[in-house]
Amino acid sequence: MTAKPAATEVDIHELLAGRWSPRAFSAAPLSREHLHSLLEAARWAPSSSNLQPWRFIAFDRHRDEAAFQRAFETLAPSNRTWNVRVPVLVCVTASTLTPKGDVSRTALYDTGAAAMALVLQAHALGLATHQMGGFDRDAFRAAFEIPPEVEIIAMVAVGHHGDANLLDDALREREAAPRARKALGETSFEGAWGKGFE
């Protein structure tokens, strides 16, 4: 399954409505050009004062199996099961200090925007991405000597869409389930806190 469009209340751009997070990935390698394109899209994301706090660490199992394995081993066991065929993992991190050494209040927000640019570029290229919070950040920091002022935020699986029939029963069921979101009035307010947008 490569398409799973969102059932939106009003029309939104296909790039947004069509992006989803599959768990079925092909073992086919990701081209260097595609990976470069994703990182370039992230590079051009907006950021406060143009500080660009994001730092992406890419792990391509076809170029450096040892580094990929070290990143893979930090994934939660439940995420390892469906990442066995994923060709690329990208760790999303943010430098939390400004050049003056002050704490950046927008570093995580800006890095989220860059990560979204990366996954939208992937979708535009027909690729699959799945962002994960389930991994051991302390183990990742130790394995790759990440500086203390850098926040380790997420891991992103990147590759080509695969065959959902290769997933276990529970994951295959989740793969086929309809996409769902909270009602707009629960997440978007107008004029006051808690006053749902209508």
N, C-alpha and C. Protein backbone atom coordinates (compact mmCIF):
# COMPACT_ATOMS: atom_id res chain seq x y z
N MET A 1 0.85 -1.18 0.00
CA MET A 1 0.00 0.00 0.00
C MET A 1 0.89 1.24 0.00
N THR A 2 0.77 2.04 -1.04
CA THR A 2 1.59 3.26 -1.11
C THR A 2 0.77 4.52 -0.89
N ALA A 3 -0.55 4.44 -1.05
CA ALA A 3 -1.39 5.63 -0.90
C ALA A 3 -2.39 5.42 0.23
N LYS A 4 -2.51 6.44 1.06
CA LYS A 4 -3.47 6.39 2.17
C LYS A 4 -3.87 7.83 2.49
N PRO A 5 -4.59 8.48 1.57
CA PRO A 5 -4.90 9.90 1.75
C PRO A 5 -5.77 10.18 2.97
N ALA A 6 -5.54 11.34 3.57
CA ALA A 6 -6.31 11.75 4.73
C ALA A 6 -7.73 12.13 4.32
N ALA A 7 -8.69 11.80 5.17
CA ALA A 7 -10.09 12.21 4.95
C ALA A 7 -10.27 13.57 5.61
N THR A 8 -9.88 14.62 4.91
CA THR A 8 -9.89 15.97 5.47
C THR A 8 -11.30 16.58 5.42
N GLU A 9 -11.55 17.55 6.31
CA GLU A 9 -12.85 18.24 6.33
C GLU A 9 -12.99 19.20 5.15
N VAL A 10 -11.87 19.80 4.74
CA VAL A 10 -11.82 20.66 3.56
C VAL A 10 -10.60 20.25 2.76
N ASP A 11 -10.55 20.63 1.50
CA ASP A 11 -9.42 20.25 0.66
C ASP A 11 -8.13 20.90 1.15
N ILE A 12 -7.06 20.11 1.21
CA ILE A 12 -5.71 20.61 1.44
C ILE A 12 -4.83 20.03 0.34
N HIS A 13 -3.65 20.57 0.19
CA HIS A 13 -2.75 20.13 -0.88
C HIS A 13 -2.45 18.64 -0.74
N GLU A 14 -2.38 17.94 -1.88
CA GLU A 14 -2.12 16.51 -1.89
C GLU A 14 -0.83 16.16 -1.16
N LEU A 15 0.16 17.04 -1.25
CA LEU A 15 1.43 16.75 -0.59
C LEU A 15 1.23 16.58 0.92
N LEU A 16 0.27 17.34 1.47
CA LEU A 16 -0.03 17.25 2.90
C LEU A 16 -1.02 16.12 3.19
N ALA A 17 -2.05 16.04 2.39
CA ALA A 17 -3.07 15.01 2.62
C ALA A 17 -2.55 13.61 2.34
N GLY A 18 -1.61 13.51 1.42
CA GLY A 18 -1.12 12.19 1.02
C GLY A 18 0.01 11.65 1.87
N ARG A 19 0.68 12.52 2.62
CA ARG A 19 1.79 12.07 3.45
C ARG A 19 1.27 11.23 4.61
N TRP A 20 1.84 10.05 4.78
CA TRP A 20 1.47 9.22 5.92
C TRP A 20 2.69 8.43 6.37
N SER A 21 2.55 7.67 7.43
CA SER A 21 3.70 7.00 8.05
C SER A 21 3.56 5.48 7.98
N PRO A 22 3.96 4.88 6.87
CA PRO A 22 3.85 3.43 6.74
C PRO A 22 4.92 2.71 7.57
N ARG A 23 4.69 1.43 7.79
CA ARG A 23 5.69 0.58 8.42
C ARG A 23 6.22 -0.47 7.44
N ALA A 24 5.60 -0.55 6.29
CA ALA A 24 6.04 -1.51 5.27
C ALA A 24 7.03 -0.82 4.34
N PHE A 25 8.30 -1.23 4.46
CA PHE A 25 9.37 -0.65 3.64
C PHE A 25 10.01 -1.73 2.79
N SER A 26 10.47 -1.34 1.63
CA SER A 26 11.27 -2.21 0.77
C SER A 26 12.72 -2.16 1.24
N ALA A 27 13.45 -3.22 0.95
CA ALA A 27 14.88 -3.25 1.28
C ALA A 27 15.73 -2.57 0.20
N ALA A 28 15.09 -2.08 -0.86
CA ALA A 28 15.83 -1.44 -1.95
C ALA A 28 16.61 -0.24 -1.43
N PRO A 29 17.83 -0.05 -1.92
CA PRO A 29 18.63 1.10 -1.47
C PRO A 29 17.96 2.42 -1.85
N LEU A 30 18.25 3.43 -1.07
CA LEU A 30 17.82 4.79 -1.37
C LEU A 30 18.96 5.45 -2.15
N SER A 31 18.64 6.08 -3.27
CA SER A 31 19.71 6.69 -4.06
C SER A 31 20.33 7.86 -3.30
N ARG A 32 21.60 8.10 -3.60
CA ARG A 32 22.29 9.23 -2.97
C ARG A 32 21.60 10.55 -3.35
N GLU A 33 21.11 10.62 -4.59
CA GLU A 33 20.42 11.83 -5.05
C GLU A 33 19.15 12.09 -4.25
N HIS A 34 18.40 11.02 -3.96
CA HIS A 34 17.18 11.19 -3.17
C HIS A 34 17.50 11.64 -1.76
N LEU A 35 18.49 11.02 -1.13
CA LEU A 35 18.85 11.42 0.23
C LEU A 35 19.33 12.86 0.26
N HIS A 36 20.13 13.23 -0.72
CA HIS A 36 20.61 14.61 -0.82
C HIS A 36 19.43 15.57 -0.95
N SER A 37 18.44 15.19 -1.76
CA SER A 37 17.26 16.02 -1.97
C SER A 37 16.48 16.23 -0.67
N LEU A 38 16.35 15.20 0.14
CA LEU A 38 15.62 15.32 1.40
C LEU A 38 16.34 16.26 2.36
N LEU A 39 17.65 16.09 2.46
CA LEU A 39 18.42 16.94 3.36
C LEU A 39 18.47 18.38 2.87
N GLU A 40 18.46 18.56 1.55
CA GLU A 40 18.43 19.91 0.97
C GLU A 40 17.10 20.60 1.27
N ALA A 41 16.02 19.84 1.17
CA ALA A 41 14.70 20.41 1.51
C ALA A 41 14.68 20.88 2.96
N ALA A 42 15.22 20.06 3.85
CA ALA A 42 15.29 20.43 5.27
C ALA A 42 16.15 21.67 5.47
N ARG A 43 17.23 21.78 4.71
CA ARG A 43 18.17 22.91 4.84
C ARG A 43 17.48 24.24 4.59
N TRP A 44 16.45 24.25 3.74
CA TRP A 44 15.79 25.49 3.36
C TRP A 44 14.54 25.79 4.18
N ALA A 45 14.37 25.09 5.30
CA ALA A 45 13.24 25.38 6.19
C ALA A 45 13.44 26.74 6.85
N PRO A 46 12.36 27.39 7.28
CA PRO A 46 12.48 28.66 8.00
C PRO A 46 12.97 28.43 9.42
N SER A 47 13.63 29.45 9.98
CA SER A 47 14.05 29.37 11.38
C SER A 47 14.17 30.78 11.96
N SER A 48 13.98 30.88 13.25
CA SER A 48 14.08 32.17 13.95
C SER A 48 15.48 32.73 13.79
N SER A 49 15.56 33.98 13.36
CA SER A 49 16.84 34.68 13.13
C SER A 49 17.75 33.91 12.18
N ASN A 50 17.16 33.04 11.39
CA ASN A 50 17.90 32.21 10.44
C ASN A 50 19.03 31.43 11.11
N LEU A 51 18.81 30.98 12.35
CA LEU A 51 19.86 30.25 13.08
C LEU A 51 20.02 28.81 12.62
N GLN A 52 18.99 28.23 11.99
CA GLN A 52 19.07 26.88 11.44
C GLN A 52 19.63 25.90 12.49
N PRO A 53 18.91 25.67 13.58
CA PRO A 53 19.45 24.86 14.67
C PRO A 53 19.46 23.36 14.42
N TRP A 54 18.79 22.92 13.35
CA TRP A 54 18.69 21.49 13.10
C TRP A 54 20.03 20.88 12.71
N ARG A 55 20.18 19.63 13.13
CA ARG A 55 21.32 18.81 12.72
C ARG A 55 20.75 17.42 12.44
N PHE A 56 20.90 16.96 11.20
CA PHE A 56 20.41 15.65 10.80
C PHE A 56 21.60 14.71 10.64
N ILE A 57 21.48 13.51 11.18
CA ILE A 57 22.53 12.51 11.02
C ILE A 57 21.92 11.35 10.23
N ALA A 58 22.43 11.13 9.02
CA ALA A 58 21.89 10.09 8.14
C ALA A 58 22.72 8.81 8.27
N PHE A 59 22.02 7.68 8.30
CA PHE A 59 22.65 6.36 8.38
C PHE A 59 22.13 5.51 7.23
N ASP A 60 22.96 5.26 6.25
CA ASP A 60 22.60 4.48 5.07
C ASP A 60 23.24 3.10 5.20
N ARG A 61 22.40 2.09 5.37
CA ARG A 61 22.95 0.74 5.60
C ARG A 61 23.75 0.23 4.41
N HIS A 62 23.51 0.78 3.21
CA HIS A 62 24.23 0.31 2.03
C HIS A 62 25.57 1.03 1.85
N ARG A 63 25.81 2.09 2.62
CA ARG A 63 27.08 2.81 2.56
C ARG A 63 27.95 2.57 3.79
N ASP A 64 27.30 2.40 4.95
CA ASP A 64 28.05 2.20 6.19
C ASP A 64 27.19 1.34 7.11
N GLU A 65 27.27 0.04 6.91
CA GLU A 65 26.44 -0.91 7.67
C GLU A 65 26.69 -0.82 9.17
N ALA A 66 27.95 -0.62 9.57
CA ALA A 66 28.28 -0.59 11.00
C ALA A 66 27.61 0.60 11.69
N ALA A 67 27.69 1.78 11.09
CA ALA A 67 27.07 2.97 11.68
C ALA A 67 25.55 2.80 11.71
N PHE A 68 24.99 2.26 10.60
CA PHE A 68 23.55 2.03 10.57
C PHE A 68 23.13 1.10 11.70
N GLN A 69 23.88 0.02 11.91
CA GLN A 69 23.54 -0.95 12.95
C GLN A 69 23.57 -0.32 14.33
N ARG A 70 24.56 0.56 14.57
CA ARG A 70 24.64 1.21 15.88
C ARG A 70 23.42 2.09 16.12
N ALA A 71 22.95 2.78 15.07
CA ALA A 71 21.73 3.59 15.20
C ALA A 71 20.51 2.68 15.36
N PHE A 72 20.44 1.64 14.56
CA PHE A 72 19.32 0.70 14.59
C PHE A 72 19.15 0.09 15.98
N GLU A 73 20.26 -0.24 16.62
CA GLU A 73 20.22 -0.88 17.94
C GLU A 73 19.67 0.03 19.03
N THR A 74 19.60 1.34 18.78
CA THR A 74 19.01 2.24 19.78
C THR A 74 17.49 2.30 19.66
N LEU A 75 16.92 1.74 18.58
CA LEU A 75 15.47 1.75 18.41
C LEU A 75 14.81 0.86 19.46
N ALA A 76 13.61 1.25 19.87
CA ALA A 76 12.81 0.41 20.76
C ALA A 76 12.55 -0.92 20.06
N PRO A 77 12.49 -2.02 20.81
CA PRO A 77 12.27 -3.33 20.17
C PRO A 77 11.06 -3.35 19.24
N SER A 78 9.98 -2.66 19.62
CA SER A 78 8.79 -2.65 18.76
C SER A 78 9.06 -1.96 17.44
N ASN A 79 9.97 -1.00 17.41
CA ASN A 79 10.32 -0.33 16.15
C ASN A 79 11.33 -1.12 15.35
N ARG A 80 12.16 -1.89 16.01
CA ARG A 80 13.13 -2.71 15.26
C ARG A 80 12.43 -3.73 14.36
N THR A 81 11.29 -4.25 14.83
CA THR A 81 10.63 -5.33 14.07
C THR A 81 10.28 -4.90 12.65
N TRP A 82 9.79 -3.67 12.48
CA TRP A 82 9.39 -3.26 11.13
C TRP A 82 10.46 -2.45 10.42
N ASN A 83 11.56 -2.13 11.10
CA ASN A 83 12.66 -1.39 10.46
C ASN A 83 13.74 -2.31 9.88
N VAL A 84 13.51 -3.62 9.90
CA VAL A 84 14.55 -4.55 9.46
C VAL A 84 14.93 -4.37 8.00
N ARG A 85 14.02 -3.85 7.18
CA ARG A 85 14.32 -3.66 5.76
C ARG A 85 14.62 -2.21 5.39
N VAL A 86 14.41 -1.28 6.31
CA VAL A 86 14.59 0.15 6.02
C VAL A 86 16.04 0.42 5.60
N PRO A 87 16.26 1.12 4.47
CA PRO A 87 17.63 1.37 4.03
C PRO A 87 18.32 2.54 4.72
N VAL A 88 17.53 3.52 5.19
CA VAL A 88 18.12 4.73 5.77
C VAL A 88 17.37 5.13 7.04
N LEU A 89 18.13 5.47 8.07
CA LEU A 89 17.60 6.10 9.26
C LEU A 89 18.20 7.50 9.34
N VAL A 90 17.39 8.47 9.72
CA VAL A 90 17.88 9.84 9.90
C VAL A 90 17.53 10.28 11.32
N CYS A 91 18.53 10.65 12.10
CA CYS A 91 18.27 11.16 13.43
C CYS A 91 18.12 12.68 13.36
N VAL A 92 17.05 13.17 13.98
CA VAL A 92 16.75 14.60 13.99
C VAL A 92 17.20 15.17 15.33
N THR A 93 18.10 16.14 15.29
CA THR A 93 18.58 16.77 16.51
C THR A 93 18.54 18.29 16.36
N ALA A 94 18.63 18.98 17.50
CA ALA A 94 18.61 20.45 17.47
C ALA A 94 19.67 20.99 18.41
N SER A 95 20.41 21.97 17.91
CA SER A 95 21.35 22.69 18.76
C SER A 95 20.54 23.70 19.56
N THR A 96 20.55 23.57 20.88
CA THR A 96 19.63 24.34 21.73
C THR A 96 20.21 25.67 22.19
N LEU A 97 21.44 25.99 21.80
CA LEU A 97 22.05 27.25 22.20
C LEU A 97 22.23 28.17 20.99
N THR A 98 22.06 29.45 21.20
CA THR A 98 22.33 30.44 20.16
C THR A 98 23.84 30.62 20.04
N PRO A 99 24.31 31.30 18.99
CA PRO A 99 25.75 31.57 18.89
C PRO A 99 26.32 32.34 20.09
N LYS A 100 25.46 33.08 20.80
CA LYS A 100 25.91 33.82 21.99
C LYS A 100 25.92 32.95 23.25
N GLY A 101 25.45 31.70 23.12
CA GLY A 101 25.42 30.81 24.26
C GLY A 101 24.14 30.84 25.06
N ASP A 102 23.13 31.61 24.58
CA ASP A 102 21.84 31.65 25.26
C ASP A 102 20.99 30.45 24.83
N VAL A 103 20.03 30.07 25.67
CA VAL A 103 19.11 28.99 25.31
C VAL A 103 18.17 29.50 24.21
N SER A 104 18.07 28.73 23.15
CA SER A 104 17.18 29.08 22.04
C SER A 104 15.78 28.56 22.34
N ARG A 105 14.82 29.49 22.42
CA ARG A 105 13.44 29.10 22.71
C ARG A 105 12.73 28.51 21.50
N THR A 106 13.31 28.66 20.32
CA THR A 106 12.63 28.19 19.10
C THR A 106 13.36 27.05 18.41
N ALA A 107 14.42 26.53 19.01
CA ALA A 107 15.23 25.50 18.35
C ALA A 107 14.40 24.27 17.98
N LEU A 108 13.57 23.80 18.91
CA LEU A 108 12.79 22.59 18.64
C LEU A 108 11.70 22.87 17.61
N TYR A 109 11.08 24.05 17.70
CA TYR A 109 10.06 24.44 16.73
C TYR A 109 10.66 24.49 15.32
N ASP A 110 11.80 25.16 15.21
CA ASP A 110 12.45 25.31 13.91
C ASP A 110 12.89 23.95 13.36
N THR A 111 13.40 23.10 14.23
CA THR A 111 13.85 21.78 13.78
C THR A 111 12.66 20.93 13.33
N GLY A 112 11.51 21.09 14.00
CA GLY A 112 10.31 20.39 13.55
C GLY A 112 9.90 20.82 12.15
N ALA A 113 10.05 22.11 11.86
CA ALA A 113 9.73 22.61 10.52
C ALA A 113 10.66 21.98 9.48
N ALA A 114 11.94 21.87 9.84
CA ALA A 114 12.91 21.27 8.91
C ALA A 114 12.61 19.79 8.70
N ALA A 115 12.23 19.09 9.78
CA ALA A 115 11.88 17.67 9.65
C ALA A 115 10.65 17.50 8.76
N MET A 116 9.68 18.40 8.90
CA MET A 116 8.49 18.32 8.05
C MET A 116 8.86 18.56 6.59
N ALA A 117 9.78 19.48 6.33
CA ALA A 117 10.24 19.70 4.96
C ALA A 117 10.86 18.43 4.40
N LEU A 118 11.62 17.74 5.23
CA LEU A 118 12.27 16.50 4.79
C LEU A 118 11.23 15.45 4.41
N VAL A 119 10.22 15.23 5.27
CA VAL A 119 9.25 14.18 4.98
C VAL A 119 8.33 14.56 3.82
N LEU A 120 8.04 15.85 3.66
CA LEU A 120 7.22 16.25 2.51
C LEU A 120 7.98 16.08 1.20
N GLN A 121 9.27 16.38 1.22
CA GLN A 121 10.09 16.16 0.02
C GLN A 121 10.14 14.68 -0.31
N ALA A 122 10.24 13.85 0.71
CA ALA A 122 10.24 12.41 0.48
C ALA A 122 8.93 11.98 -0.17
N HIS A 123 7.81 12.47 0.36
CA HIS A 123 6.52 12.11 -0.22
C HIS A 123 6.41 12.59 -1.67
N ALA A 124 6.92 13.78 -1.94
CA ALA A 124 6.89 14.31 -3.31
C ALA A 124 7.68 13.43 -4.27
N LEU A 125 8.70 12.74 -3.76
CA LEU A 125 9.51 11.85 -4.58
C LEU A 125 8.96 10.43 -4.62
N GLY A 126 7.82 10.20 -3.95
CA GLY A 126 7.24 8.86 -3.93
C GLY A 126 7.87 7.94 -2.91
N LEU A 127 8.61 8.51 -1.96
CA LEU A 127 9.27 7.72 -0.93
C LEU A 127 8.41 7.63 0.31
N ALA A 128 8.77 6.72 1.19
CA ALA A 128 8.06 6.53 2.46
C ALA A 128 8.94 7.01 3.60
N THR A 129 8.32 7.64 4.60
CA THR A 129 9.02 8.02 5.82
C THR A 129 8.13 7.69 7.02
N HIS A 130 8.78 7.41 8.13
CA HIS A 130 8.05 7.17 9.38
C HIS A 130 8.89 7.76 10.50
N GLN A 131 8.34 8.78 11.16
CA GLN A 131 9.05 9.44 12.25
C GLN A 131 8.77 8.70 13.55
N MET A 132 9.81 8.53 14.37
CA MET A 132 9.70 7.74 15.59
C MET A 132 10.26 8.48 16.79
N GLY A 133 9.56 8.34 17.90
CA GLY A 133 10.08 8.81 19.18
C GLY A 133 10.60 7.65 20.00
N GLY A 134 10.31 6.43 19.58
CA GLY A 134 10.67 5.23 20.32
C GLY A 134 12.10 4.77 20.05
N PHE A 135 13.03 5.40 20.73
CA PHE A 135 14.42 4.95 20.68
C PHE A 135 15.14 5.48 21.92
N ASP A 136 16.28 4.89 22.23
CA ASP A 136 17.02 5.22 23.45
C ASP A 136 17.95 6.39 23.16
N ARG A 137 17.55 7.57 23.57
CA ARG A 137 18.34 8.78 23.29
C ARG A 137 19.69 8.76 24.01
N ASP A 138 19.70 8.25 25.23
CA ASP A 138 20.98 8.20 25.96
C ASP A 138 21.96 7.27 25.26
N ALA A 139 21.48 6.12 24.81
CA ALA A 139 22.34 5.18 24.09
C ALA A 139 22.82 5.80 22.78
N PHE A 140 21.92 6.52 22.11
CA PHE A 140 22.31 7.16 20.85
C PHE A 140 23.37 8.23 21.11
N ARG A 141 23.16 9.04 22.14
CA ARG A 141 24.13 10.09 22.48
C ARG A 141 25.51 9.50 22.74
N ALA A 142 25.54 8.40 23.51
CA ALA A 142 26.82 7.75 23.83
C ALA A 142 27.46 7.13 22.59
N ALA A 143 26.64 6.48 21.77
CA ALA A 143 27.18 5.78 20.59
C ALA A 143 27.79 6.73 19.58
N PHE A 144 27.22 7.94 19.49
CA PHE A 144 27.67 8.87 18.44
C PHE A 144 28.26 10.17 18.99
N GLU A 145 28.52 10.18 20.30
CA GLU A 145 29.20 11.31 20.94
C GLU A 145 28.52 12.64 20.63
N ILE A 146 27.22 12.69 20.87
CA ILE A 146 26.44 13.90 20.61
C ILE A 146 26.69 14.90 21.75
N PRO A 147 27.04 16.14 21.43
CA PRO A 147 27.31 17.14 22.48
C PRO A 147 26.11 17.36 23.40
N PRO A 148 26.35 17.73 24.65
CA PRO A 148 25.25 17.88 25.62
C PRO A 148 24.25 18.97 25.27
N GLU A 149 24.67 19.99 24.53
CA GLU A 149 23.74 21.08 24.19
C GLU A 149 22.86 20.74 22.99
N VAL A 150 23.02 19.55 22.45
CA VAL A 150 22.21 19.12 21.30
C VAL A 150 21.09 18.21 21.79
N GLU A 151 19.85 18.59 21.49
CA GLU A 151 18.68 17.80 21.86
C GLU A 151 18.44 16.74 20.79
N ILE A 152 18.33 15.50 21.22
CA ILE A 152 18.04 14.40 20.29
C ILE A 152 16.52 14.22 20.27
N ILE A 153 15.92 14.45 19.12
CA ILE A 153 14.46 14.58 19.06
C ILE A 153 13.76 13.34 18.52
N ALA A 154 14.15 12.89 17.34
CA ALA A 154 13.40 11.81 16.69
C ALA A 154 14.31 11.04 15.75
N MET A 155 13.82 9.88 15.34
CA MET A 155 14.48 9.08 14.32
C MET A 155 13.47 8.93 13.17
N VAL A 156 13.95 9.03 11.95
CA VAL A 156 13.06 8.92 10.79
C VAL A 156 13.53 7.76 9.91
N ALA A 157 12.64 6.81 9.68
CA ALA A 157 12.90 5.74 8.72
C ALA A 157 12.60 6.29 7.33
N VAL A 158 13.50 6.04 6.38
CA VAL A 158 13.32 6.56 5.02
C VAL A 158 13.61 5.44 4.02
N GLY A 159 12.75 5.30 3.03
CA GLY A 159 13.00 4.30 2.00
C GLY A 159 11.86 4.26 1.00
N HIS A 160 11.80 3.15 0.29
CA HIS A 160 10.73 2.92 -0.69
C HIS A 160 9.60 2.14 -0.01
N HIS A 161 8.38 2.36 -0.49
CA HIS A 161 7.25 1.61 0.05
C HIS A 161 7.47 0.12 -0.17
N GLY A 162 7.04 -0.66 0.81
CA GLY A 162 7.21 -2.11 0.73
C GLY A 162 5.88 -2.85 0.79
N ASP A 163 5.99 -4.15 0.93
CA ASP A 163 4.84 -5.05 0.94
C ASP A 163 4.33 -5.23 2.37
N ALA A 164 3.11 -4.75 2.63
CA ALA A 164 2.53 -4.85 3.98
C ALA A 164 2.30 -6.29 4.39
N ASN A 165 2.23 -7.21 3.43
CA ASN A 165 2.03 -8.62 3.76
C ASN A 165 3.23 -9.22 4.48
N LEU A 166 4.37 -8.54 4.46
CA LEU A 166 5.57 -9.02 5.15
C LEU A 166 5.58 -8.62 6.63
N LEU A 167 4.64 -7.76 7.02
CA LEU A 167 4.52 -7.35 8.42
C LEU A 167 3.77 -8.42 9.21
N ASP A 168 3.96 -8.42 10.54
CA ASP A 168 3.18 -9.35 11.36
C ASP A 168 1.71 -8.90 11.36
N ASP A 169 0.86 -9.77 11.88
CA ASP A 169 -0.59 -9.53 11.79
C ASP A 169 -1.01 -8.20 12.40
N ALA A 170 -0.49 -7.89 13.59
CA ALA A 170 -0.89 -6.66 14.27
C ALA A 170 -0.47 -5.43 13.48
N LEU A 171 0.76 -5.43 12.97
CA LEU A 171 1.24 -4.27 12.20
C LEU A 171 0.53 -4.17 10.85
N ARG A 172 0.24 -5.31 10.24
CA ARG A 172 -0.48 -5.30 8.96
C ARG A 172 -1.87 -4.68 9.15
N GLU A 173 -2.51 -4.98 10.29
CA GLU A 173 -3.81 -4.40 10.58
C GLU A 173 -3.72 -2.89 10.78
N ARG A 174 -2.67 -2.45 11.48
CA ARG A 174 -2.47 -1.01 11.67
C ARG A 174 -2.18 -0.31 10.34
N GLU A 175 -1.47 -1.00 9.48
CA GLU A 175 -1.13 -0.43 8.17
C GLU A 175 -2.38 -0.16 7.34
N ALA A 176 -3.37 -1.05 7.47
CA ALA A 176 -4.59 -0.93 6.67
C ALA A 176 -5.66 -0.06 7.33
N ALA A 177 -5.50 0.24 8.60
CA ALA A 177 -6.52 1.00 9.33
C ALA A 177 -6.62 2.43 8.79
N PRO A 178 -7.82 3.01 8.82
CA PRO A 178 -7.98 4.39 8.36
C PRO A 178 -7.16 5.35 9.23
N ARG A 179 -6.69 6.40 8.63
CA ARG A 179 -5.98 7.45 9.37
C ARG A 179 -6.99 8.26 10.17
N ALA A 180 -6.57 8.74 11.34
CA ALA A 180 -7.49 9.48 12.19
C ALA A 180 -6.77 10.65 12.86
N ARG A 181 -7.50 11.71 13.13
CA ARG A 181 -6.99 12.87 13.86
C ARG A 181 -8.08 13.35 14.80
N LYS A 182 -7.69 14.06 15.84
CA LYS A 182 -8.66 14.71 16.72
C LYS A 182 -9.44 15.73 15.90
N ALA A 183 -10.63 16.06 16.38
CA ALA A 183 -11.44 17.07 15.71
C ALA A 183 -10.71 18.42 15.74
N LEU A 184 -10.89 19.21 14.71
CA LEU A 184 -10.21 20.50 14.60
C LEU A 184 -10.46 21.39 15.82
N GLY A 185 -11.69 21.35 16.34
CA GLY A 185 -12.03 22.18 17.49
C GLY A 185 -11.30 21.79 18.77
N GLU A 186 -10.71 20.60 18.80
CA GLU A 186 -9.93 20.17 19.96
C GLU A 186 -8.50 20.69 19.91
N THR A 187 -8.01 20.99 18.73
CA THR A 187 -6.60 21.36 18.58
C THR A 187 -6.38 22.79 18.10
N SER A 188 -7.42 23.41 17.57
CA SER A 188 -7.30 24.78 17.06
C SER A 188 -8.37 25.64 17.70
N PHE A 189 -7.92 26.72 18.32
CA PHE A 189 -8.82 27.62 19.03
C PHE A 189 -8.90 28.95 18.29
N GLU A 190 -9.93 29.72 18.61
CA GLU A 190 -10.08 31.04 17.98
C GLU A 190 -10.57 32.04 19.02
N GLY A 191 -9.80 33.08 19.24
CA GLY A 191 -10.20 34.16 20.12
C GLY A 191 -9.91 33.94 21.58
N ALA A 192 -9.82 32.70 22.03
CA ALA A 192 -9.56 32.41 23.43
C ALA A 192 -9.12 30.96 23.57
N TRP A 193 -8.38 30.69 24.64
CA TRP A 193 -7.95 29.31 24.91
C TRP A 193 -9.19 28.43 25.12
N GLY A 194 -9.23 27.31 24.42
CA GLY A 194 -10.31 26.36 24.59
C GLY A 194 -11.54 26.65 23.76
N LYS A 195 -11.59 27.80 23.11
CA LYS A 195 -12.73 28.12 22.25
C LYS A 195 -12.45 27.55 20.86
N GLY A 196 -13.01 26.40 20.59
CA GLY A 196 -12.69 25.68 19.37
C GLY A 196 -13.00 26.43 18.10
N PHE A 197 -12.09 26.30 17.14
CA PHE A 197 -12.31 26.88 15.81
C PHE A 197 -13.50 26.21 15.18
N GLU A 198 -14.40 27.01 14.60
CA GLU A 198 -15.57 26.45 13.91
C GLU A 198 -15.47 26.70 12.42
